[in-house]
Every structure is written in C-alpha cells, then in structure tokens.
PDB file of all heavy atoms in Angstrom:
ATOM      1  N   ILE A   1      94.095 127.890  73.596  1.00  0.00           N
ATOM      2  CA  ILE A   1      92.794 128.502  73.283  1.00  0.00           C
ATOM      3  C   ILE A   1      91.766 127.466  73.304  1.00  0.00           C
ATOM      4  O   ILE A   1      90.698 127.726  73.894  1.00  0.00           O
ATOM      5  CB  ILE A   1      92.917 129.083  71.894  1.00  0.00           C
ATOM      6  CG1 ILE A   1      94.053 130.160  71.743  1.00  0.00           C
ATOM      7  CG2 ILE A   1      91.683 129.763  71.473  1.00  0.00           C
ATOM      8  CD1 ILE A   1      94.281 130.635  70.322  1.00  0.00           C
ATOM      9  N   VAL A   2      92.072 126.340  72.605  1.00  0.00           N
ATOM     10  CA  VAL A   2      91.077 125.292  72.558  1.00  0.00           C
ATOM     11  C   VAL A   2      90.628 124.788  73.944  1.00  0.00           C
ATOM     12  O   VAL A   2      89.442 124.649  74.242  1.00  0.00           O
ATOM     13  CB  VAL A   2      91.615 124.008  71.759  1.00  0.00           C
ATOM     14  CG1 VAL A   2      90.826 122.846  71.924  1.00  0.00           C
ATOM     15  CG2 VAL A   2      91.896 124.393  70.279  1.00  0.00           C
ATOM     16  N   LEU A   3      91.518 124.597  74.834  1.00  0.00           N
ATOM     17  CA  LEU A   3      91.181 124.029  76.108  1.00  0.00           C
ATOM     18  C   LEU A   3      90.566 125.144  76.968  1.00  0.00           C
ATOM     19  O   LEU A   3      89.563 124.765  77.740  1.00  0.00           O
ATOM     20  CB  LEU A   3      92.514 123.642  76.775  1.00  0.00           C
ATOM     21  CG  LEU A   3      93.130 122.416  76.148  1.00  0.00           C
ATOM     22  CD1 LEU A   3      94.595 122.141  76.892  1.00  0.00           C
ATOM     23  CD2 LEU A   3      92.248 121.218  76.213  1.00  0.00           C
ATOM     24  N   LEU A   4      90.804 126.366  76.851  1.00  0.00           N
ATOM     25  CA  LEU A   4      90.190 127.454  77.524  1.00  0.00           C
ATOM     26  C   LEU A   4      88.661 127.467  77.122  1.00  0.00           C
ATOM     27  O   LEU A   4      87.783 127.420  77.882  1.00  0.00           O
ATOM     28  CB  LEU A   4      90.782 128.717  77.238  1.00  0.00           C
ATOM     29  CG  LEU A   4      90.057 130.038  77.644  1.00  0.00           C
ATOM     30  CD1 LEU A   4      89.816 129.966  79.153  1.00  0.00           C
ATOM     31  CD2 LEU A   4      90.746 131.268  77.323  1.00  0.00           C
ATOM     32  N   LEU A   5      88.343 127.319  75.775  1.00  0.00           N
ATOM     33  CA  LEU A   5      86.980 127.368  75.282  1.00  0.00           C
ATOM     34  C   LEU A   5      86.345 126.034  75.740  1.00  0.00           C
ATOM     35  O   LEU A   5      85.183 126.111  75.942  1.00  0.00           O
ATOM     36  CB  LEU A   5      87.076 127.561  73.822  1.00  0.00           C
ATOM     37  CG  LEU A   5      87.543 128.848  73.224  1.00  0.00           C
ATOM     38  CD1 LEU A   5      87.773 128.680  71.739  1.00  0.00           C
ATOM     39  CD2 LEU A   5      86.504 129.903  73.579  1.00  0.00           C
ATOM     40  N   THR A   6      86.955 124.949  75.756  1.00  0.00           N
ATOM     41  CA  THR A   6      86.414 123.694  76.180  1.00  0.00           C
ATOM     42  C   THR A   6      85.930 123.675  77.602  1.00  0.00           C
ATOM     43  O   THR A   6      84.738 123.453  77.902  1.00  0.00           O
ATOM     44  CB  THR A   6      87.469 122.656  76.125  1.00  0.00           C
ATOM     45  OG1 THR A   6      87.946 122.485  74.807  1.00  0.00           O
ATOM     46  CG2 THR A   6      86.897 121.214  76.631  1.00  0.00           C
ATOM     47  N   ILE A   7      86.688 124.348  78.518  1.00  0.00           N
ATOM     48  CA  ILE A   7      86.185 124.466  79.955  1.00  0.00           C
ATOM     49  C   ILE A   7      84.981 125.328  79.983  1.00  0.00           C
ATOM     50  O   ILE A   7      84.094 124.999  80.710  1.00  0.00           O
ATOM     51  CB  ILE A   7      87.339 125.091  80.784  1.00  0.00           C
ATOM     52  CG1 ILE A   7      88.515 124.176  80.950  1.00  0.00           C
ATOM     53  CG2 ILE A   7      86.862 125.605  82.051  1.00  0.00           C
ATOM     54  CD1 ILE A   7      89.686 124.662  81.573  1.00  0.00           C
ATOM     55  N   ALA A   8      84.993 126.450  79.218  1.00  0.00           N
ATOM     56  CA  ALA A   8      83.805 127.320  79.176  1.00  0.00           C
ATOM     57  C   ALA A   8      82.672 126.679  78.756  1.00  0.00           C
ATOM     58  O   ALA A   8      81.504 126.862  79.362  1.00  0.00           O
ATOM     59  CB  ALA A   8      84.138 128.657  78.316  1.00  0.00           C
ATOM     60  N   VAL A   9      82.750 125.888  77.675  1.00  0.00           N
ATOM     61  CA  VAL A   9      81.518 125.371  77.027  1.00  0.00           C
ATOM     62  C   VAL A   9      80.994 124.161  77.780  1.00  0.00           C
ATOM     63  O   VAL A   9      79.829 124.055  78.076  1.00  0.00           O
ATOM     64  CB  VAL A   9      81.893 124.863  75.584  1.00  0.00           C
ATOM     65  CG1 VAL A   9      80.734 124.122  75.008  1.00  0.00           C
ATOM     66  CG2 VAL A   9      82.127 126.183  74.723  1.00  0.00           C
ATOM     67  N   TYR A  10      81.954 123.376  78.291  1.00  0.00           N
ATOM     68  CA  TYR A  10      81.554 122.088  78.857  1.00  0.00           C
ATOM     69  C   TYR A  10      80.916 122.412  80.310  1.00  0.00           C
ATOM     70  O   TYR A  10      80.046 121.691  80.724  1.00  0.00           O
ATOM     71  CB  TYR A  10      82.644 121.128  79.078  1.00  0.00           C
ATOM     72  CG  TYR A  10      82.690 120.183  77.857  1.00  0.00           C
ATOM     73  CD1 TYR A  10      83.043 120.575  76.689  1.00  0.00           C
ATOM     74  CD2 TYR A  10      82.451 118.759  78.175  1.00  0.00           C
ATOM     75  CE1 TYR A  10      83.092 119.732  75.622  1.00  0.00           C
ATOM     76  CE2 TYR A  10      82.517 117.884  76.994  1.00  0.00           C
ATOM     77  CZ  TYR A  10      82.907 118.373  75.770  1.00  0.00           C
ATOM     78  OH  TYR A  10      82.910 117.501  74.791  1.00  0.00           O
ATOM     79  N   SER A  11      81.229 123.585  80.850  1.00  0.00           N
ATOM     80  CA  SER A  11      80.712 123.959  82.090  1.00  0.00           C
ATOM     81  C   SER A  11      79.277 124.326  82.029  1.00  0.00           C
ATOM     82  O   SER A  11      78.485 124.406  83.005  1.00  0.00           O
ATOM     83  CB  SER A  11      81.487 125.091  82.727  1.00  0.00           C
ATOM     84  OG  SER A  11      81.492 126.244  82.059  1.00  0.00           O
ATOM     85  N   CYS A  12      78.833 124.708  80.772  1.00  0.00           N
ATOM     86  CA  CYS A  12      77.480 125.281  80.576  1.00  0.00           C
ATOM     87  C   CYS A  12      76.621 124.191  80.011  1.00  0.00           C
ATOM     88  O   CYS A  12      75.432 124.422  79.831  1.00  0.00           O
ATOM     89  CB  CYS A  12      77.599 126.438  79.612  1.00  0.00           C
ATOM     90  SG  CYS A  12      78.498 127.754  80.250  1.00  0.00           S
ATOM     91  N   ARG A  13      77.082 123.024  79.544  1.00  0.00           N
ATOM     92  CA  ARG A  13      76.306 122.106  78.971  1.00  0.00           C
ATOM     93  C   ARG A  13      75.365 121.417  79.943  1.00  0.00           C
ATOM     94  O   ARG A  13      75.629 121.218  81.132  1.00  0.00           O
ATOM     95  CB  ARG A  13      77.147 120.900  78.311  1.00  0.00           C
ATOM     96  CG  ARG A  13      77.745 121.216  76.951  1.00  0.00           C
ATOM     97  CD  ARG A  13      78.389 120.146  76.329  1.00  0.00           C
ATOM     98  NE  ARG A  13      78.742 120.480  75.008  1.00  0.00           N
ATOM     99  CZ  ARG A  13      79.319 119.517  74.145  1.00  0.00           C
ATOM    100  NH1 ARG A  13      79.635 118.341  74.566  1.00  0.00           N
ATOM    101  NH2 ARG A  13      79.714 119.976  72.997  1.00  0.00           N
ATOM    102  N   LYS A  14      74.108 121.064  79.455  1.00  0.00           N
ATOM    103  CA  LYS A  14      73.138 120.435  80.414  1.00  0.00           C
ATOM    104  C   LYS A  14      73.204 118.989  80.551  1.00  0.00           C
ATOM    105  O   LYS A  14      72.153 118.271  80.377  1.00  0.00           O
ATOM    106  CB  LYS A  14      71.777 120.895  79.940  1.00  0.00           C
ATOM    107  CG  LYS A  14      71.668 122.485  80.041  1.00  0.00           C
ATOM    108  CD  LYS A  14      70.228 122.948  79.603  1.00  0.00           C
ATOM    109  CE  LYS A  14      70.061 124.459  79.720  1.00  0.00           C
ATOM    110  NZ  LYS A  14      68.730 124.873  79.361  1.00  0.00           N
ATOM    111  N   TYR A  15      74.321 118.418  80.575  1.00  0.00           N
ATOM    112  CA  TYR A  15      74.560 117.065  80.768  1.00  0.00           C
ATOM    113  C   TYR A  15      74.368 116.686  82.320  1.00  0.00           C
ATOM    114  O   TYR A  15      74.896 117.466  83.149  1.00  0.00           O
ATOM    115  CB  TYR A  15      75.934 116.446  80.362  1.00  0.00           C
ATOM    116  CG  TYR A  15      76.103 116.388  78.871  1.00  0.00           C
ATOM    117  CD1 TYR A  15      77.261 117.008  78.393  1.00  0.00           C
ATOM    118  CD2 TYR A  15      75.302 115.648  78.107  1.00  0.00           C
ATOM    119  CE1 TYR A  15      77.459 116.958  76.930  1.00  0.00           C
ATOM    120  CE2 TYR A  15      75.485 115.639  76.703  1.00  0.00           C
ATOM    121  CZ  TYR A  15      76.602 116.186  76.192  1.00  0.00           C
ATOM    122  OH  TYR A  15      76.880 116.174  74.829  1.00  0.00           O
ATOM    123  N   TYR A  16      73.663 115.541  82.456  1.00  0.00           N
ATOM    124  CA  TYR A  16      73.753 115.120  83.879  1.00  0.00           C
ATOM    125  C   TYR A  16      75.052 114.258  84.157  1.00  0.00           C
ATOM    126  O   TYR A  16      75.278 113.318  83.518  1.00  0.00           O
ATOM    127  CB  TYR A  16      72.527 114.139  84.218  1.00  0.00           C
ATOM    128  CG  TYR A  16      72.652 113.440  85.573  1.00  0.00           C
ATOM    129  CD1 TYR A  16      72.652 114.162  86.741  1.00  0.00           C
ATOM    130  CD2 TYR A  16      72.895 112.141  85.613  1.00  0.00           C
ATOM    131  CE1 TYR A  16      72.811 113.587  87.979  1.00  0.00           C
ATOM    132  CE2 TYR A  16      73.030 111.407  86.799  1.00  0.00           C
ATOM    133  CZ  TYR A  16      73.057 112.194  87.987  1.00  0.00           C
ATOM    134  OH  TYR A  16      73.186 111.607  89.090  1.00  0.00           O
ATOM    135  N   ILE A  17      75.884 114.749  85.043  1.00  0.00           N
ATOM    136  CA  ILE A  17      77.051 114.007  85.358  1.00  0.00           C
ATOM    137  C   ILE A  17      77.075 113.539  86.819  1.00  0.00           C
ATOM    138  O   ILE A  17      76.770 114.264  87.612  1.00  0.00           O
ATOM    139  CB  ILE A  17      78.348 114.949  85.178  1.00  0.00           C
ATOM    140  CG1 ILE A  17      78.397 115.447  83.736  1.00  0.00           C
ATOM    141  CG2 ILE A  17      79.538 114.298  85.475  1.00  0.00           C
ATOM    142  CD1 ILE A  17      79.511 116.470  83.566  1.00  0.00           C
ATOM    143  N   ASP A  18      77.219 112.155  86.902  1.00  0.00           N
ATOM    144  CA  ASP A  18      77.356 111.515  88.134  1.00  0.00           C
ATOM    145  C   ASP A  18      78.738 111.802  88.707  1.00  0.00           C
ATOM    146  O   ASP A  18      79.657 111.129  88.326  1.00  0.00           O
ATOM    147  CB  ASP A  18      76.959 110.081  88.098  1.00  0.00           C
ATOM    148  CG  ASP A  18      77.132 109.336  89.362  1.00  0.00           C
ATOM    149  OD1 ASP A  18      77.361 110.038  90.431  1.00  0.00           O
ATOM    150  OD2 ASP A  18      77.036 108.175  89.490  1.00  0.00           O
ATOM    151  N   HIS A  19      78.885 112.719  89.524  1.00  0.00           N
ATOM    152  CA  HIS A  19      80.216 113.080  90.103  1.00  0.00           C
ATOM    153  C   HIS A  19      80.759 111.985  90.968  1.00  0.00           C
ATOM    154  O   HIS A  19      82.006 112.050  91.252  1.00  0.00           O
ATOM    155  CB  HIS A  19      80.083 114.440  90.876  1.00  0.00           C
ATOM    156  CG  HIS A  19      79.803 115.578  89.989  1.00  0.00           C
ATOM    157  ND1 HIS A  19      80.649 116.191  89.114  1.00  0.00           N
ATOM    158  CD2 HIS A  19      78.570 116.214  89.937  1.00  0.00           C
ATOM    159  CE1 HIS A  19      80.011 117.186  88.541  1.00  0.00           C
ATOM    160  NE2 HIS A  19      78.811 117.186  88.895  1.00  0.00           N
ATOM    161  N   GLY A  20      80.072 110.911  91.178  1.00  0.00           N
ATOM    162  CA  GLY A  20      80.643 109.754  91.926  1.00  0.00           C
ATOM    163  C   GLY A  20      81.580 109.068  91.125  1.00  0.00           C
ATOM    164  O   GLY A  20      82.382 108.171  91.552  1.00  0.00           O
ATOM    165  N   PHE A  21      81.598 109.241  89.749  1.00  0.00           N
ATOM    166  CA  PHE A  21      82.426 108.548  88.895  1.00  0.00           C
ATOM    167  C   PHE A  21      83.926 109.064  89.038  1.00  0.00           C
ATOM    168  O   PHE A  21      84.860 108.323  88.567  1.00  0.00           O
ATOM    169  CB  PHE A  21      82.026 108.651  87.424  1.00  0.00           C
ATOM    170  CG  PHE A  21      82.544 109.823  86.732  1.00  0.00           C
ATOM    171  CD1 PHE A  21      83.823 109.779  86.050  1.00  0.00           C
ATOM    172  CD2 PHE A  21      81.806 111.024  86.559  1.00  0.00           C
ATOM    173  CE1 PHE A  21      84.283 110.842  85.371  1.00  0.00           C
ATOM    174  CE2 PHE A  21      82.384 111.985  85.899  1.00  0.00           C
ATOM    175  CZ  PHE A  21      83.555 112.057  85.381  1.00  0.00           C
ATOM    176  N   ARG A  22      84.155 110.131  89.595  1.00  0.00           N
ATOM    177  CA  ARG A  22      85.498 110.719  89.530  1.00  0.00           C
ATOM    178  C   ARG A  22      86.492 109.847  90.266  1.00  0.00           C
ATOM    179  O   ARG A  22      87.584 109.568  89.769  1.00  0.00           O
ATOM    180  CB  ARG A  22      85.403 112.168  90.179  1.00  0.00           C
ATOM    181  CG  ARG A  22      86.791 112.695  90.509  1.00  0.00           C
ATOM    182  CD  ARG A  22      87.637 112.836  89.223  1.00  0.00           C
ATOM    183  NE  ARG A  22      87.017 113.595  88.193  1.00  0.00           N
ATOM    184  CZ  ARG A  22      87.551 113.862  86.925  1.00  0.00           C
ATOM    185  NH1 ARG A  22      88.604 113.081  86.619  1.00  0.00           N
ATOM    186  NH2 ARG A  22      86.812 114.424  86.099  1.00  0.00           N
ATOM    187  N   GLU A  23      86.154 109.284  91.403  1.00  0.00           N
ATOM    188  CA  GLU A  23      87.051 108.421  92.083  1.00  0.00           C
ATOM    189  C   GLU A  23      87.335 107.162  91.242  1.00  0.00           C
ATOM    190  O   GLU A  23      88.477 106.729  91.109  1.00  0.00           O
ATOM    191  CB  GLU A  23      86.533 108.019  93.505  1.00  0.00           C
ATOM    192  CG  GLU A  23      87.413 107.162  94.319  1.00  0.00           C
ATOM    193  CD  GLU A  23      86.843 106.785  95.737  1.00  0.00           C
ATOM    194  OE1 GLU A  23      85.905 107.367  95.980  1.00  0.00           O
ATOM    195  OE2 GLU A  23      87.546 106.098  96.372  1.00  0.00           O
ATOM    196  N   THR A  24      86.393 106.532  90.806  1.00  0.00           N
ATOM    197  CA  THR A  24      86.557 105.343  89.957  1.00  0.00           C
ATOM    198  C   THR A  24      87.433 105.670  88.768  1.00  0.00           C
ATOM    199  O   THR A  24      88.359 104.921  88.381  1.00  0.00           O
ATOM    200  CB  THR A  24      85.193 104.788  89.493  1.00  0.00           C
ATOM    201  OG1 THR A  24      84.423 104.464  90.672  1.00  0.00           O
ATOM    202  CG2 THR A  24      85.465 103.564  88.570  1.00  0.00           C
ATOM    203  N   TYR A  25      87.096 106.794  88.105  1.00  0.00           N
ATOM    204  CA  TYR A  25      87.824 107.100  86.809  1.00  0.00           C
ATOM    205  C   TYR A  25      89.230 107.461  87.263  1.00  0.00           C
ATOM    206  O   TYR A  25      90.114 107.011  86.425  1.00  0.00           O
ATOM    207  CB  TYR A  25      87.145 108.356  86.212  1.00  0.00           C
ATOM    208  CG  TYR A  25      87.618 108.608  84.766  1.00  0.00           C
ATOM    209  CD1 TYR A  25      87.625 107.599  83.807  1.00  0.00           C
ATOM    210  CD2 TYR A  25      88.065 109.867  84.570  1.00  0.00           C
ATOM    211  CE1 TYR A  25      88.197 107.890  82.578  1.00  0.00           C
ATOM    212  CE2 TYR A  25      88.666 110.274  83.238  1.00  0.00           C
ATOM    213  CZ  TYR A  25      88.664 109.199  82.296  1.00  0.00           C
ATOM    214  OH  TYR A  25      89.147 109.397  81.005  1.00  0.00           O
ATOM    215  N   THR A  26      89.389 108.183  88.257  1.00  0.00           N
ATOM    216  CA  THR A  26      90.848 108.494  88.639  1.00  0.00           C
ATOM    217  C   THR A  26      91.631 107.238  88.914  1.00  0.00           C
ATOM    218  O   THR A  26      92.793 107.095  88.510  1.00  0.00           O
ATOM    219  CB  THR A  26      90.844 109.335  89.866  1.00  0.00           C
ATOM    220  OG1 THR A  26      90.134 110.669  89.574  1.00  0.00           O
ATOM    221  CG2 THR A  26      92.285 109.759  90.342  1.00  0.00           C
ATOM    222  N   ASN A  27      91.048 106.307  89.625  1.00  0.00           N
ATOM    223  CA  ASN A  27      91.623 105.045  89.891  1.00  0.00           C
ATOM    224  C   ASN A  27      92.134 104.315  88.611  1.00  0.00           C
ATOM    225  O   ASN A  27      93.215 103.756  88.522  1.00  0.00           O
ATOM    226  CB  ASN A  27      90.806 104.199  90.757  1.00  0.00           C
ATOM    227  CG  ASN A  27      90.683 104.679  92.221  1.00  0.00           C
ATOM    228  OD1 ASN A  27      91.480 105.457  92.637  1.00  0.00           O
ATOM    229  ND2 ASN A  27      89.577 104.177  92.851  1.00  0.00           N
ATOM    230  N   VAL A  28      91.136 104.367  87.674  1.00  0.00           N
ATOM    231  CA  VAL A  28      91.515 103.651  86.368  1.00  0.00           C
ATOM    232  C   VAL A  28      92.610 104.363  85.658  1.00  0.00           C
ATOM    233  O   VAL A  28      93.566 103.692  85.228  1.00  0.00           O
ATOM    234  CB  VAL A  28      90.243 103.655  85.394  1.00  0.00           C
ATOM    235  CG1 VAL A  28      90.618 103.235  84.028  1.00  0.00           C
ATOM    236  CG2 VAL A  28      89.126 102.705  85.918  1.00  0.00           C
ATOM    237  N   ASN A  29      92.674 105.652  85.666  1.00  0.00           N
ATOM    238  CA  ASN A  29      93.825 106.410  85.168  1.00  0.00           C
ATOM    239  C   ASN A  29      95.234 106.051  85.882  1.00  0.00           C
ATOM    240  O   ASN A  29      96.179 105.858  85.177  1.00  0.00           O
ATOM    241  CB  ASN A  29      93.593 107.909  85.173  1.00  0.00           C
ATOM    242  CG  ASN A  29      92.864 108.426  83.960  1.00  0.00           C
ATOM    243  OD1 ASN A  29      92.702 107.787  82.994  1.00  0.00           O
ATOM    244  ND2 ASN A  29      92.322 109.741  84.118  1.00  0.00           N
ATOM    245  N   GLU A  30      95.007 105.991  87.101  1.00  0.00           N
ATOM    246  CA  GLU A  30      96.346 105.725  87.890  1.00  0.00           C
ATOM    247  C   GLU A  30      96.834 104.245  87.609  1.00  0.00           C
ATOM    248  O   GLU A  30      98.012 104.066  87.520  1.00  0.00           O
ATOM    249  CB  GLU A  30      95.931 105.857  89.394  1.00  0.00           C
ATOM    250  CG  GLU A  30      95.804 107.383  89.791  1.00  0.00           C
ATOM    251  CD  GLU A  30      95.511 107.399  91.268  1.00  0.00           C
ATOM    252  OE1 GLU A  30      95.237 106.335  91.946  1.00  0.00           O
ATOM    253  OE2 GLU A  30      95.457 108.598  91.783  1.00  0.00           O
ATOM    254  N   VAL A  31      95.978 103.313  87.441  1.00  0.00           N
ATOM    255  CA  VAL A  31      96.271 101.993  87.147  1.00  0.00           C
ATOM    256  C   VAL A  31      97.043 101.948  85.795  1.00  0.00           C
ATOM    257  O   VAL A  31      98.110 101.359  85.644  1.00  0.00           O
ATOM    258  CB  VAL A  31      95.177 100.975  87.109  1.00  0.00           C
ATOM    259  CG1 VAL A  31      95.515  99.790  86.549  1.00  0.00           C
ATOM    260  CG2 VAL A  31      94.604 100.866  88.528  1.00  0.00           C
ATOM    261  N   ILE A  32      96.374 102.467  84.661  1.00  0.00           N
ATOM    262  CA  ILE A  32      96.994 102.329  83.430  1.00  0.00           C
ATOM    263  C   ILE A  32      98.191 103.182  83.164  1.00  0.00           C
ATOM    264  O   ILE A  32      99.056 102.820  82.299  1.00  0.00           O
ATOM    265  CB  ILE A  32      95.954 102.695  82.262  1.00  0.00           C
ATOM    266  CG1 ILE A  32      95.625 104.194  82.269  1.00  0.00           C
ATOM    267  CG2 ILE A  32      94.739 101.793  82.366  1.00  0.00           C
ATOM    268  CD1 ILE A  32      94.684 104.495  81.200  1.00  0.00           C
ATOM    269  N   HIS A  33      98.473 104.284  84.021  1.00  0.00           N
ATOM    270  CA  HIS A  33      99.639 105.103  83.792  1.00  0.00           C
ATOM    271  C   HIS A  33     100.584 104.848  84.984  1.00  0.00           C
ATOM    272  O   HIS A  33     101.674 105.496  84.969  1.00  0.00           O
ATOM    273  CB  HIS A  33      99.196 106.631  83.891  1.00  0.00           C
ATOM    274  CG  HIS A  33      98.427 106.985  82.728  1.00  0.00           C
ATOM    275  ND1 HIS A  33      98.914 107.050  81.373  1.00  0.00           N
ATOM    276  CD2 HIS A  33      97.083 107.329  82.547  1.00  0.00           C
ATOM    277  CE1 HIS A  33      97.981 107.451  80.634  1.00  0.00           C
ATOM    278  NE2 HIS A  33      96.857 107.538  81.131  1.00  0.00           N
ATOM    279  N   LYS A  34     100.324 103.898  85.816  1.00  0.00           N
ATOM    280  CA  LYS A  34     101.352 103.621  87.024  1.00  0.00           C
ATOM    281  C   LYS A  34     102.711 103.326  86.445  1.00  0.00           C
ATOM    282  O   LYS A  34     103.741 103.890  86.959  1.00  0.00           O
ATOM    283  CB  LYS A  34     100.741 102.554  87.814  1.00  0.00           C
ATOM    284  CG  LYS A  34     101.738 102.224  89.091  1.00  0.00           C
ATOM    285  CD  LYS A  34     101.029 101.269  89.921  1.00  0.00           C
ATOM    286  CE  LYS A  34     101.932 101.115  91.239  1.00  0.00           C
ATOM    287  NZ  LYS A  34     101.378 100.024  92.102  1.00  0.00           N
ATOM    288  N   ASP A  35     102.790 102.595  85.430  1.00  0.00           N
ATOM    289  CA  ASP A  35     104.092 102.297  84.891  1.00  0.00           C
ATOM    290  C   ASP A  35     103.909 101.959  83.388  1.00  0.00           C
ATOM    291  O   ASP A  35     103.843 100.880  82.841  1.00  0.00           O
ATOM    292  CB  ASP A  35     104.786 101.020  85.449  1.00  0.00           C
ATOM    293  CG  ASP A  35     106.277 100.991  85.058  1.00  0.00           C
ATOM    294  OD1 ASP A  35     106.749 101.695  83.971  1.00  0.00           O
ATOM    295  OD2 ASP A  35     107.119 100.315  85.740  1.00  0.00           O
ATOM    296  N   SER A  36     103.546 103.044  82.616  1.00  0.00           N
ATOM    297  CA  SER A  36     103.158 102.995  81.248  1.00  0.00           C
ATOM    298  C   SER A  36     104.260 102.515  80.359  1.00  0.00           C
ATOM    299  O   SER A  36     103.984 102.271  79.164  1.00  0.00           O
ATOM    300  CB  SER A  36     102.647 104.335  80.773  1.00  0.00           C
ATOM    301  OG  SER A  36     103.642 105.340  80.853  1.00  0.00           O
ATOM    302  N   THR A  37     105.445 102.422  80.757  1.00  0.00           N
ATOM    303  CA  THR A  37     106.495 101.887  79.925  1.00  0.00           C
ATOM    304  C   THR A  37     106.559 100.331  80.084  1.00  0.00           C
ATOM    305  O   THR A  37     107.355  99.710  79.189  1.00  0.00           O
ATOM    306  CB  THR A  37     107.908 102.492  80.388  1.00  0.00           C
ATOM    307  OG1 THR A  37     108.224 102.044  81.780  1.00  0.00           O
ATOM    308  CG2 THR A  37     108.008 103.938  80.305  1.00  0.00           C
ATOM    309  N   LYS A  38     105.826  99.765  80.997  1.00  0.00           N
ATOM    310  CA  LYS A  38     105.888  98.318  81.109  1.00  0.00           C
ATOM    311  C   LYS A  38     104.431  97.674  80.865  1.00  0.00           C
ATOM    312  O   LYS A  38     104.388  96.573  80.414  1.00  0.00           O
ATOM    313  CB  LYS A  38     106.327  97.916  82.514  1.00  0.00           C
ATOM    314  CG  LYS A  38     107.783  98.269  82.770  1.00  0.00           C
ATOM    315  CD  LYS A  38     108.292  97.961  84.057  1.00  0.00           C
ATOM    316  CE  LYS A  38     109.786  98.357  84.332  1.00  0.00           C
ATOM    317  NZ  LYS A  38     110.277  97.963  85.668  1.00  0.00           N
ATOM    318  N   MET A  39     103.464  98.256  81.294  1.00  0.00           N
ATOM    319  CA  MET A  39     102.156  97.697  81.193  1.00  0.00           C
ATOM    320  C   MET A  39     101.389  98.353  79.989  1.00  0.00           C
ATOM    321  O   MET A  39     101.047  99.562  80.002  1.00  0.00           O
ATOM    322  CB  MET A  39     101.274  97.978  82.493  1.00  0.00           C
ATOM    323  CG  MET A  39      99.977  97.325  82.530  1.00  0.00           C
ATOM    324  SD  MET A  39      98.953  97.792  83.987  1.00  0.00           S
ATOM    325  CE  MET A  39      98.523  99.554  83.617  1.00  0.00           C
ATOM    326  N   PRO A  40     101.108  97.572  78.917  1.00  0.00           N
ATOM    327  CA  PRO A  40     100.466  98.094  77.756  1.00  0.00           C
ATOM    328  C   PRO A  40      98.960  98.463  78.022  1.00  0.00           C
ATOM    329  O   PRO A  40      98.359  97.909  78.902  1.00  0.00           O
ATOM    330  CB  PRO A  40     100.421  96.905  76.817  1.00  0.00           C
ATOM    331  CG  PRO A  40     101.492  95.941  77.353  1.00  0.00           C
ATOM    332  CD  PRO A  40     101.412  96.150  78.761  1.00  0.00           C
ATOM    333  N   PHE A  41      98.578  99.538  77.504  1.00  0.00           N
ATOM    334  CA  PHE A  41      97.161  99.962  77.576  1.00  0.00           C
ATOM    335  C   PHE A  41      96.677 100.616  76.275  1.00  0.00           C
ATOM    336  O   PHE A  41      97.415 101.079  75.325  1.00  0.00           O
ATOM    337  CB  PHE A  41      96.994 100.847  78.702  1.00  0.00           C
ATOM    338  CG  PHE A  41      97.519 102.346  78.486  1.00  0.00           C
ATOM    339  CD1 PHE A  41      96.789 103.283  77.862  1.00  0.00           C
ATOM    340  CD2 PHE A  41      98.777 102.586  78.972  1.00  0.00           C
ATOM    341  CE1 PHE A  41      97.430 104.514  77.662  1.00  0.00           C
ATOM    342  CE2 PHE A  41      99.237 103.905  78.771  1.00  0.00           C
ATOM    343  CZ  PHE A  41      98.665 104.836  78.155  1.00  0.00           C
ATOM    344  N   PHE A  42      95.356 100.456  75.969  1.00  0.00           N
ATOM    345  CA  PHE A  42      94.722 100.935  74.830  1.00  0.00           C
ATOM    346  C   PHE A  42      93.313 101.621  75.272  1.00  0.00           C
ATOM    347  O   PHE A  42      92.400 100.841  75.677  1.00  0.00           O
ATOM    348  CB  PHE A  42      94.559  99.924  73.843  1.00  0.00           C
ATOM    349  CG  PHE A  42      94.077 100.397  72.454  1.00  0.00           C
ATOM    350  CD1 PHE A  42      95.232 100.782  71.560  1.00  0.00           C
ATOM    351  CD2 PHE A  42      92.861 100.256  72.046  1.00  0.00           C
ATOM    352  CE1 PHE A  42      94.792 101.171  70.298  1.00  0.00           C
ATOM    353  CE2 PHE A  42      92.586 100.756  70.713  1.00  0.00           C
ATOM    354  CZ  PHE A  42      93.526 101.145  69.817  1.00  0.00           C
ATOM    355  N   LYS A  43      93.247 102.914  75.199  1.00  0.00           N
ATOM    356  CA  LYS A  43      92.130 103.597  75.873  1.00  0.00           C
ATOM    357  C   LYS A  43      91.432 104.398  74.616  1.00  0.00           C
ATOM    358  O   LYS A  43      92.121 105.281  74.043  1.00  0.00           O
ATOM    359  CB  LYS A  43      92.564 104.479  76.937  1.00  0.00           C
ATOM    360  CG  LYS A  43      91.495 105.263  77.658  1.00  0.00           C
ATOM    361  CD  LYS A  43      91.999 106.031  78.792  1.00  0.00           C
ATOM    362  CE  LYS A  43      90.976 106.771  79.655  1.00  0.00           C
ATOM    363  NZ  LYS A  43      91.582 107.625  80.694  1.00  0.00           N
ATOM    364  N   VAL A  44      90.246 104.185  74.429  1.00  0.00           N
ATOM    365  CA  VAL A  44      89.495 104.783  73.323  1.00  0.00           C
ATOM    366  C   VAL A  44      88.526 105.846  73.817  1.00  0.00           C
ATOM    367  O   VAL A  44      87.557 105.491  74.696  1.00  0.00           O
ATOM    368  CB  VAL A  44      88.708 103.660  72.408  1.00  0.00           C
ATOM    369  CG1 VAL A  44      87.946 104.374  71.380  1.00  0.00           C
ATOM    370  CG2 VAL A  44      89.816 102.757  71.955  1.00  0.00           C
TER     371      VAL A  44
END
C-alpha cells in the first residue's frame, strides 16, 4: 500500500529532477551491490 501511494504522490510533486542522474546513480548502486557480501558499504 505504501509503495503504491508513494508512486502516485511522487509522480505529482513539482520537484525538478535532472533525469541525467539515473545512469550515474544506477552505476553507484551496481558498484556497492556487486558483491555486497565482500565489499562493505554504508549508504545514508
């Protein structure tokens, strides 16, 4: 329920989002989760 409402609300917010960040952010996620049992990470 929470996530459904989240999608609905966030899609209507008037934030300016630079969609160019997606590739960079995806790469960061892939790096820290590539082998999460061996490489420590701390994401806030």
